[in-house]
Amino acid sequence: MQPATPSPETPSAVLMFALQFPPFSQSTGRLRTLSFVRHLPRHGWKPVVITARISAYPEVDERTLADVPGDTTVVRAWGFDIARTLSIRGAYPRWFATPDRWNSWALGAIAAGLSAVRTFRPRVLWATFPVPSALLGALALQRLTRLPLVVDLRDPLVYESWPINEFDRRVYQCIERRIVHTARAVVVTTPGASSMYRSRYPDLPADRFPVIANGIEDGAGAGEGWTNVATSSTASIELVHSGLMESPDRDPSAFFRALRLMRDSGSLPGRPLRVVLRASGSEDRYRNAARAAGVESIIDLAPRVSHQDATREMANAAGLLLFQGPECNRQIPAKAYEYLASGRPIIGLADAQGDTRALLGGNWGVPYLADMNDPAQIAQMLGRFFADLDAGRAYVPPVSLRAGFARSERAADLARLFDSVVGSR
């Protein structure tokens, strides 16, 4: 099946496989796809989105549907969540969910994709991780249609130490090999990930693995300076981490022990301190860790809220916590860019060799950096932050940095990649 070439006067269609799409609300990963959908049309590409039925999502926020442009074609393919549909008392055979709990959706997505190819005649297929079924569906459709495939892998499929389960690791390695040898481009979000893949697949062209970083919505963020955080001796200090904190990737246990060290040494601030871990996904585990460290009165393991409310909370915090362990040295959390937009100080707990540390300490000039797993180093860094806070000179990355991370620019990068894949239009 070979689609006809559209006329130069009309945008070229791109068929996008993305299970995580509004109203899915369990991860902010949907925002990257949504930003491409919103901004690609101004660069000559019209998205047609193949996603899941709303019933397949474990958590939804119907309000986010309003963020999808009204003229976007969204096809919701059949499929279900095995973890909720086939489990008995929360358990189900592991092989049922290979490579993930939405594997049934891959079949529905292929059928929906074939219909969409006949109707919209796309020039490019695009698929995004972190749901492998989207990659499998796109691979199958590429084989049926011979359309060029671009994969927005974002983070690596396989690390040196992940997946931990050997069966999952073999499955992911198989998917990865098929992806990198089939796709015209495999997009990642950090230089470290691109370098790893170029080394892992030296027989492939180096430009097979381009970098398109995450970003912030155009015009988002606070104004110049740091204006709305009280610095009086009585005002409370609120530190916030917003989003999932997987273990061991973002385990805050060493941070808790650092707070205990500061409390025991009398170096905590003299005014009230509250640490909000918003929607960590591991509330019971980290509540126990905070209790074991003796700092449970400081830690608030808060529930999930809407993205809008979470953004408002970040904009009102005294400081924003960013955790990234050595297991994720080739990743930069998407929330880092939201933190940049907030106009608030960033406290980076990241491995010294990772891409996150390089971005914060190098490009952004953040001085509040420490190893996520070193309580003494964290305590020393927090002492500096609290001192700067009391003196009214806590460092905030310059507003001028935001323009370089606008999502419209990231969509322009993707559009240029599509142009190069299909040739001059």
Protein backbone atom coordinates (compact mmCIF):
# COMPACT_ATOMS: atom_id res chain seq x y z
CA MET A 1 0.00 0.00 0.00
CA GLN A 2 1.73 3.20 -1.18
CA PRO A 3 0.06 6.51 -0.27
CA ALA A 4 -0.19 9.23 -2.87
CA THR A 5 1.93 12.35 -2.46
CA PRO A 6 -0.20 15.28 -1.31
CA SER A 7 -0.17 18.54 -3.23
CA PRO A 8 2.28 21.23 -2.04
CA GLU A 9 -0.66 23.45 -1.00
CA THR A 10 -1.85 21.03 1.66
CA PRO A 11 -0.05 19.90 4.83
CA SER A 12 1.46 16.45 4.83
CA ALA A 13 -0.17 14.01 7.21
CA VAL A 14 1.84 12.21 9.88
CA LEU A 15 0.29 9.18 11.57
CA MET A 16 1.19 9.24 15.27
CA PHE A 17 1.05 6.16 17.53
CA ALA A 18 0.80 7.30 21.17
CA LEU A 19 -1.08 5.44 23.87
CA GLN A 20 -0.44 8.18 26.44
CA PHE A 21 -2.65 11.01 25.23
CA PRO A 22 -5.35 13.14 26.88
CA PRO A 23 -7.31 12.36 28.99
CA PHE A 24 -4.62 9.93 30.25
CA SER A 25 -3.33 11.54 33.46
CA GLN A 26 -0.98 9.06 35.11
CA SER A 27 2.16 10.54 33.55
CA THR A 28 3.22 13.89 32.13
CA GLY A 29 4.75 12.00 29.20
CA ARG A 30 1.60 12.78 27.26
CA LEU A 31 2.60 16.45 27.18
CA ARG A 32 5.42 15.86 24.70
CA THR A 33 3.08 14.22 22.21
CA LEU A 34 0.46 16.88 22.80
CA SER A 35 2.96 19.67 22.16
CA PHE A 36 3.93 18.11 18.83
CA VAL A 37 0.26 17.78 17.89
CA ARG A 38 -0.33 21.45 18.68
CA HIS A 39 2.71 22.89 16.92
CA LEU A 40 3.43 20.64 13.93
CA PRO A 41 0.68 22.10 11.68
CA ARG A 42 2.42 25.48 11.50
CA HIS A 43 5.42 23.64 10.05
CA GLY A 44 3.48 21.86 7.32
CA TRP A 45 2.56 18.61 9.05
CA LYS A 46 -0.95 17.57 10.07
CA PRO A 47 -1.07 15.01 12.90
CA VAL A 48 -3.46 12.07 12.86
CA VAL A 49 -3.27 10.45 16.30
CA ILE A 50 -3.83 6.73 16.94
CA THR A 51 -4.36 6.33 20.67
CA ALA A 52 -6.37 4.24 23.14
CA ARG A 53 -9.96 4.27 24.20
CA ILE A 54 -10.52 6.18 27.40
CA SER A 55 -11.63 3.00 29.16
CA ALA A 56 -8.09 1.62 28.79
CA TYR A 57 -6.59 4.33 30.99
CA PRO A 58 -6.18 3.67 34.74
CA GLU A 59 -6.52 7.38 35.55
CA VAL A 60 -8.04 10.16 33.47
CA ASP A 61 -8.58 13.90 33.67
CA GLU A 62 -11.38 14.87 31.29
CA ARG A 63 -10.34 18.51 31.52
CA THR A 64 -7.18 17.78 29.53
CA LEU A 65 -9.25 16.95 26.45
CA ALA A 66 -9.67 20.70 25.99
CA ASP A 67 -5.90 20.92 25.36
CA VAL A 68 -6.21 18.95 22.12
CA PRO A 69 -6.76 21.26 19.12
CA GLY A 70 -10.31 20.93 17.85
CA ASP A 71 -9.25 20.16 14.28
CA THR A 72 -6.96 17.28 15.27
CA THR A 73 -8.03 13.83 14.09
CA VAL A 74 -7.85 11.45 17.07
CA VAL A 75 -8.61 7.76 16.50
CA ARG A 76 -9.20 5.75 19.68
CA ALA A 77 -8.37 2.15 18.88
CA TRP A 78 -9.66 -0.91 20.69
CA GLY A 79 -7.59 -2.29 23.54
CA PHE A 80 -7.67 -2.78 27.32
CA ASP A 81 -5.46 -2.64 30.39
CA ILE A 82 -4.61 -6.21 31.37
CA ALA A 83 -3.70 -5.15 34.91
CA ARG A 84 -7.28 -4.03 35.52
CA THR A 85 -9.25 -6.30 33.20
CA LEU A 86 -7.70 -9.76 33.63
CA SER A 87 -6.16 -9.65 37.10
CA ILE A 88 -7.55 -11.61 40.00
CA ARG A 89 -6.97 -9.89 43.33
CA GLY A 90 -4.34 -7.74 41.64
CA ALA A 91 -2.39 -10.67 40.15
CA TYR A 92 -2.12 -11.97 36.59
CA PRO A 93 0.37 -14.14 34.65
CA ARG A 94 3.39 -12.03 33.72
CA TRP A 95 3.48 -13.20 30.12
CA PHE A 96 -0.05 -11.78 29.66
CA ALA A 97 1.52 -8.31 29.89
CA THR A 98 4.39 -8.76 27.42
CA PRO A 99 5.78 -6.31 26.52
CA ASP A 100 3.34 -4.19 28.55
CA ARG A 101 -0.15 -4.24 30.04
CA TRP A 102 -1.70 -2.62 26.92
CA ASN A 103 -0.43 -5.19 24.39
CA SER A 104 -3.99 -5.82 23.16
CA TRP A 105 -4.07 -2.20 22.02
CA ALA A 106 -1.28 -2.87 19.51
CA LEU A 107 -3.71 -5.03 17.50
CA GLY A 108 -6.42 -2.41 17.59
CA ALA A 109 -3.88 0.28 16.68
CA ILE A 110 -2.70 -1.65 13.62
CA ALA A 111 -6.26 -2.02 12.32
CA ALA A 112 -7.01 1.64 13.03
CA GLY A 113 -3.72 2.63 11.41
CA LEU A 114 -4.49 0.77 8.19
CA SER A 115 -7.82 2.54 7.93
CA ALA A 116 -6.16 5.90 8.64
CA VAL A 117 -3.52 5.30 5.95
CA ARG A 118 -6.27 4.74 3.36
CA THR A 119 -8.17 7.83 4.49
CA PHE A 120 -5.44 10.39 5.22
CA ARG A 121 -2.52 9.09 3.12
CA PRO A 122 0.24 10.02 5.58
CA ARG A 123 3.81 10.43 4.43
CA VAL A 124 5.39 9.44 7.77
CA LEU A 125 4.64 7.10 10.66
CA TRP A 126 5.65 8.27 14.14
CA ALA A 127 5.53 6.30 17.39
CA THR A 128 6.55 7.12 20.94
CA PHE A 129 7.79 5.26 23.98
CA PRO A 130 7.40 4.55 26.99
CA VAL A 131 4.64 2.10 26.00
CA PRO A 132 6.34 -0.59 23.84
CA SER A 133 3.01 -1.64 22.30
CA ALA A 134 2.95 1.66 20.41
CA LEU A 135 6.31 0.75 18.90
CA LEU A 136 5.15 -2.75 17.96
CA GLY A 137 1.99 -1.39 16.33
CA ALA A 138 3.99 1.11 14.30
CA LEU A 139 6.54 -1.53 13.27
CA ALA A 140 3.77 -3.79 11.98
CA LEU A 141 2.10 -0.94 10.08
CA GLN A 142 5.42 0.10 8.56
CA ARG A 143 5.92 -3.41 7.27
CA LEU A 144 2.44 -3.39 5.72
CA THR A 145 2.64 0.08 4.17
CA ARG A 146 6.39 0.68 3.68
CA LEU A 147 5.93 4.21 5.00
CA PRO A 148 9.04 5.74 6.61
CA LEU A 149 9.04 5.35 10.38
CA VAL A 150 10.32 7.86 12.94
CA VAL A 151 10.43 6.66 16.55
CA ASP A 152 10.39 9.16 19.40
CA LEU A 153 12.12 6.84 21.83
CA ARG A 154 12.85 9.68 24.28
CA ASP A 155 14.69 7.53 26.87
CA PRO A 156 16.65 4.34 26.09
CA LEU A 157 14.71 1.09 25.88
CA VAL A 158 17.55 -0.88 27.46
CA TYR A 159 20.18 0.25 29.96
CA GLU A 160 23.14 -1.66 31.35
CA SER A 161 21.12 -2.55 34.47
CA TRP A 162 17.53 -2.19 33.24
CA PRO A 163 15.17 -3.96 32.70
CA ILE A 164 16.14 -5.96 35.76
CA ASN A 165 13.98 -9.00 34.94
CA GLU A 166 15.88 -11.13 32.41
CA PHE A 167 12.79 -12.08 30.40
CA ASP A 168 11.72 -8.44 30.07
CA ARG A 169 15.26 -7.50 29.13
CA ARG A 170 15.36 -9.98 26.25
CA VAL A 171 11.99 -8.77 24.99
CA TYR A 172 13.06 -5.11 25.14
CA GLN A 173 16.37 -5.89 23.44
CA CYS A 174 14.49 -7.58 20.61
CA ILE A 175 12.16 -4.60 20.20
CA GLU A 176 15.10 -2.20 20.31
CA ARG A 177 16.99 -4.03 17.56
CA ARG A 178 13.94 -4.02 15.32
CA ILE A 179 13.33 -0.34 15.97
CA VAL A 180 16.84 0.92 15.28
CA HIS A 181 17.19 -1.13 12.09
CA THR A 182 13.73 -0.27 10.73
CA ALA A 183 13.19 3.37 11.65
CA ARG A 184 14.68 6.17 9.57
CA ALA A 185 15.36 8.02 12.83
CA VAL A 186 15.27 7.10 16.52
CA VAL A 187 14.83 10.32 18.48
CA VAL A 188 16.17 10.61 22.04
CA THR A 189 16.06 13.53 24.46
CA THR A 190 19.65 13.71 25.75
CA PRO A 191 23.18 13.68 24.30
CA GLY A 192 24.08 10.76 26.57
CA ALA A 193 21.32 8.56 25.13
CA SER A 194 22.35 9.40 21.58
CA SER A 195 25.99 8.63 22.33
CA MET A 196 25.04 5.30 23.91
CA TYR A 197 23.07 4.21 20.86
CA ARG A 198 25.77 5.28 18.44
CA SER A 199 28.22 3.13 20.40
CA ARG A 200 25.80 0.22 20.69
CA TYR A 201 25.04 0.19 16.95
CA PRO A 202 28.27 1.35 15.26
CA ASP A 203 27.20 -0.13 11.93
CA LEU A 204 24.32 2.37 11.65
CA PRO A 205 24.69 6.01 10.57
CA ALA A 206 25.39 8.35 13.48
CA ASP A 207 22.49 10.59 12.41
CA ARG A 208 20.08 7.69 13.02
CA PHE A 209 19.89 8.91 16.64
CA PRO A 210 19.08 12.65 16.71
CA VAL A 211 18.41 14.57 19.92
CA ILE A 212 15.16 16.52 20.38
CA ALA A 213 15.00 17.64 24.01
CA ASN A 214 11.88 18.16 26.06
CA GLY A 215 10.70 21.71 26.58
CA ILE A 216 8.19 24.17 27.97
CA GLU A 217 5.06 25.62 26.47
CA ASP A 218 5.58 28.93 24.71
CA GLY A 219 4.96 31.86 27.06
CA ALA A 220 4.88 29.64 30.15
CA GLY A 221 6.52 30.65 33.37
CA ALA A 222 6.93 33.38 35.90
CA GLY A 223 8.39 36.78 35.22
CA GLU A 224 11.94 37.99 35.71
CA GLY A 225 13.41 37.54 39.16
CA TRP A 226 12.15 35.85 42.26
CA THR A 227 9.40 37.89 43.79
CA ASN A 228 6.72 35.94 45.62
CA VAL A 229 8.63 33.86 48.17
CA ALA A 230 8.68 35.40 51.63
CA THR A 231 12.08 35.57 53.30
CA SER A 232 11.10 36.82 56.76
CA SER A 233 12.18 34.93 59.84
CA THR A 234 8.63 33.63 60.38
CA ALA A 235 7.62 32.60 56.83
CA SER A 236 7.56 28.84 56.25
CA ILE A 237 9.75 27.20 53.61
CA GLU A 238 8.13 24.78 51.18
CA LEU A 239 10.20 22.53 48.93
CA VAL A 240 8.34 20.62 46.22
CA HIS A 241 8.96 17.59 44.04
CA SER A 242 6.17 17.08 41.52
CA GLY A 243 5.69 13.69 39.87
CA LEU A 244 6.66 10.03 40.01
CA MET A 245 9.64 8.97 42.10
CA GLU A 246 10.52 5.46 40.98
CA SER A 247 12.95 3.45 43.08
CA PRO A 248 15.92 3.37 42.80
CA ASP A 249 15.91 6.05 40.08
CA ARG A 250 14.52 8.83 42.31
CA ASP A 251 14.58 7.34 45.80
CA PRO A 252 14.54 10.18 48.39
CA SER A 253 15.82 8.06 51.30
CA ALA A 254 19.26 9.73 51.35
CA PHE A 255 17.54 13.12 51.22
CA PHE A 256 15.53 12.14 54.31
CA ARG A 257 18.74 11.14 56.12
CA ALA A 258 20.28 14.48 55.14
CA LEU A 259 17.40 16.30 56.81
CA ARG A 260 17.97 14.21 59.91
CA LEU A 261 21.68 15.12 59.90
CA MET A 262 20.77 18.80 59.65
CA ARG A 263 18.22 18.55 62.42
CA ASP A 264 20.64 16.76 64.73
CA SER A 265 23.34 19.34 64.06
CA GLY A 266 20.94 22.28 64.48
CA SER A 267 21.45 23.44 60.88
CA LEU A 268 17.84 23.25 59.71
CA PRO A 269 16.20 26.67 59.14
CA GLY A 270 14.77 28.36 62.20
CA ARG A 271 11.41 28.71 60.51
CA PRO A 272 8.97 25.90 59.60
CA LEU A 273 10.06 23.57 56.79
CA ARG A 274 7.70 21.45 54.68
CA VAL A 275 8.77 19.08 51.91
CA VAL A 276 5.98 18.15 49.49
CA LEU A 277 6.47 15.00 47.40
CA ARG A 278 3.51 15.34 45.07
CA ALA A 279 2.20 12.13 43.38
CA SER A 280 5.36 10.12 44.05
CA GLY A 281 3.60 6.83 43.27
CA SER A 282 5.33 5.18 46.25
CA GLU A 283 3.66 6.91 49.15
CA ASP A 284 3.71 4.01 51.62
CA ARG A 285 7.34 3.14 50.89
CA TYR A 286 8.59 6.69 51.28
CA ARG A 287 6.42 7.37 54.31
CA ASN A 288 8.15 4.46 56.01
CA ALA A 289 11.55 5.76 54.89
CA ALA A 290 10.78 9.22 56.30
CA ARG A 291 9.65 7.64 59.56
CA ALA A 292 12.83 5.55 59.74
CA ALA A 293 14.89 8.72 59.29
CA GLY A 294 12.84 10.49 61.96
CA VAL A 295 11.70 13.32 59.66
CA GLU A 296 8.13 12.25 58.94
CA SER A 297 6.80 15.50 60.42
CA ILE A 298 8.56 17.45 57.65
CA ILE A 299 7.52 15.24 54.71
CA ASP A 300 4.12 15.54 53.02
CA LEU A 301 3.45 12.68 50.58
CA ALA A 302 0.70 14.49 48.75
CA PRO A 303 -1.80 12.99 46.25
CA ARG A 304 -2.00 13.67 42.53
CA VAL A 305 -3.62 16.91 41.37
CA SER A 306 -4.31 18.35 37.94
CA HIS A 307 -1.34 19.53 35.91
CA GLN A 308 -2.58 23.09 36.25
CA ASP A 309 -2.70 22.83 40.04
CA ALA A 310 0.72 21.17 40.13
CA THR A 311 2.16 23.99 38.03
CA ARG A 312 0.66 26.54 40.39
CA GLU A 313 2.17 24.74 43.39
CA MET A 314 5.60 24.74 41.78
CA ALA A 315 5.36 28.46 41.04
CA ASN A 316 4.71 29.17 44.74
CA ALA A 317 7.44 26.95 46.20
CA ALA A 318 10.60 28.22 47.84
CA GLY A 319 12.58 25.57 45.98
CA LEU A 320 11.98 22.72 43.53
CA LEU A 321 13.56 19.30 44.10
CA LEU A 322 14.84 17.29 41.14
CA PHE A 323 15.94 13.69 41.81
CA GLN A 324 17.87 11.64 39.23
CA GLY A 325 20.05 8.69 40.26
CA PRO A 326 22.95 7.10 38.35
CA GLU A 327 20.61 4.51 36.83
CA CYS A 328 19.19 7.34 34.69
CA ASN A 329 22.31 9.24 33.74
CA ARG A 330 21.17 9.36 30.10
CA GLN A 331 17.84 10.92 30.97
CA ILE A 332 16.70 14.42 31.90
CA PRO A 333 13.29 14.51 33.63
CA ALA A 334 10.72 16.48 31.64
CA LYS A 335 9.85 18.27 34.88
CA ALA A 336 13.26 19.97 34.78
CA TYR A 337 11.96 22.20 32.00
CA GLU A 338 8.74 22.91 33.89
CA TYR A 339 10.91 23.90 36.84
CA LEU A 340 12.80 26.28 34.55
CA ALA A 341 9.51 27.87 33.51
CA SER A 342 8.39 28.30 37.11
CA GLY A 343 10.99 30.93 37.92
CA ARG A 344 11.91 29.23 41.19
CA PRO A 345 15.23 27.94 42.57
CA ILE A 346 16.08 24.38 41.52
CA ILE A 347 17.73 21.90 43.89
CA GLY A 348 19.37 19.14 41.85
CA LEU A 349 19.99 15.74 43.44
CA ALA A 350 21.67 13.99 40.53
CA ASP A 351 24.73 11.88 39.72
CA ALA A 352 27.79 13.93 38.77
CA GLN A 353 28.25 12.01 35.50
CA GLY A 354 24.69 12.31 34.24
CA ASP A 355 23.02 14.49 31.62
CA THR A 356 20.73 16.02 34.26
CA ARG A 357 23.68 17.30 36.30
CA ALA A 358 25.35 18.63 33.15
CA LEU A 359 22.24 20.56 32.16
CA LEU A 360 21.60 22.05 35.60
CA GLY A 361 25.16 22.86 36.58
CA GLY A 362 26.51 23.73 33.15
CA ASN A 363 23.86 25.26 30.91
CA TRP A 364 21.65 26.64 33.68
CA GLY A 365 24.26 27.55 36.29
CA VAL A 366 22.38 25.96 39.21
CA PRO A 367 24.65 25.98 42.30
CA TYR A 368 22.48 23.71 44.49
CA LEU A 369 23.72 20.30 43.36
CA ALA A 370 24.51 17.10 45.24
CA ASP A 371 24.72 13.35 44.74
CA MET A 372 21.23 11.92 45.27
CA ASN A 373 22.64 9.05 47.38
CA ASP A 374 25.04 11.03 49.61
CA PRO A 375 23.31 12.38 52.77
CA ALA A 376 26.33 14.42 53.93
CA GLN A 377 26.73 16.09 50.55
CA ILE A 378 23.01 16.82 50.37
CA ALA A 379 23.03 18.34 53.87
CA GLN A 380 25.93 20.63 52.96
CA MET A 381 24.22 21.77 49.77
CA LEU A 382 20.90 22.37 51.53
CA GLY A 383 22.71 24.47 54.12
CA ARG A 384 23.95 26.72 51.33
CA PHE A 385 20.49 26.94 49.81
CA PHE A 386 18.80 27.86 53.09
CA ALA A 387 21.47 30.51 53.77
CA ASP A 388 20.94 32.05 50.32
CA LEU A 389 17.19 31.89 50.86
CA ASP A 390 17.40 33.79 54.15
CA ALA A 391 19.68 36.36 52.53
CA GLY A 392 17.23 36.86 49.64
CA ARG A 393 19.74 35.77 47.01
CA ALA A 394 18.67 32.22 46.12
CA TYR A 395 19.74 31.49 42.54
CA VAL A 396 17.09 31.25 39.81
CA PRO A 397 18.07 30.29 36.23
CA PRO A 398 17.79 33.32 33.92
CA VAL A 399 14.49 33.91 32.16
CA SER A 400 16.40 34.21 28.89
CA LEU A 401 17.02 30.45 28.94
CA ARG A 402 13.34 29.66 28.43
CA ALA A 403 13.18 30.73 24.78
CA GLY A 404 15.72 28.06 23.85
CA PHE A 405 13.48 25.32 25.26
CA ALA A 406 10.13 26.35 23.78
CA ARG A 407 8.01 23.40 22.66
CA SER A 408 7.23 25.14 19.39
CA GLU A 409 10.95 24.98 18.60
CA ARG A 410 11.07 21.28 19.44
CA ALA A 411 8.14 20.73 17.04
CA ALA A 412 10.06 22.65 14.39
CA ASP A 413 13.00 20.27 14.94
CA LEU A 414 10.68 17.30 14.45
CA ALA A 415 9.14 18.82 11.33
CA ARG A 416 12.60 19.30 9.82
CA LEU A 417 13.36 15.68 10.62
CA PHE A 418 10.17 14.60 8.81
CA ASP A 419 11.16 16.80 5.85
CA SER A 420 14.55 15.13 5.65
CA VAL A 421 12.99 11.67 5.85
CA VAL A 422 10.53 12.16 2.99
CA GLY A 423 12.66 14.58 0.93
CA SER A 424 11.90 18.11 -0.15
CA ARG A 425 8.20 18.90 -0.33
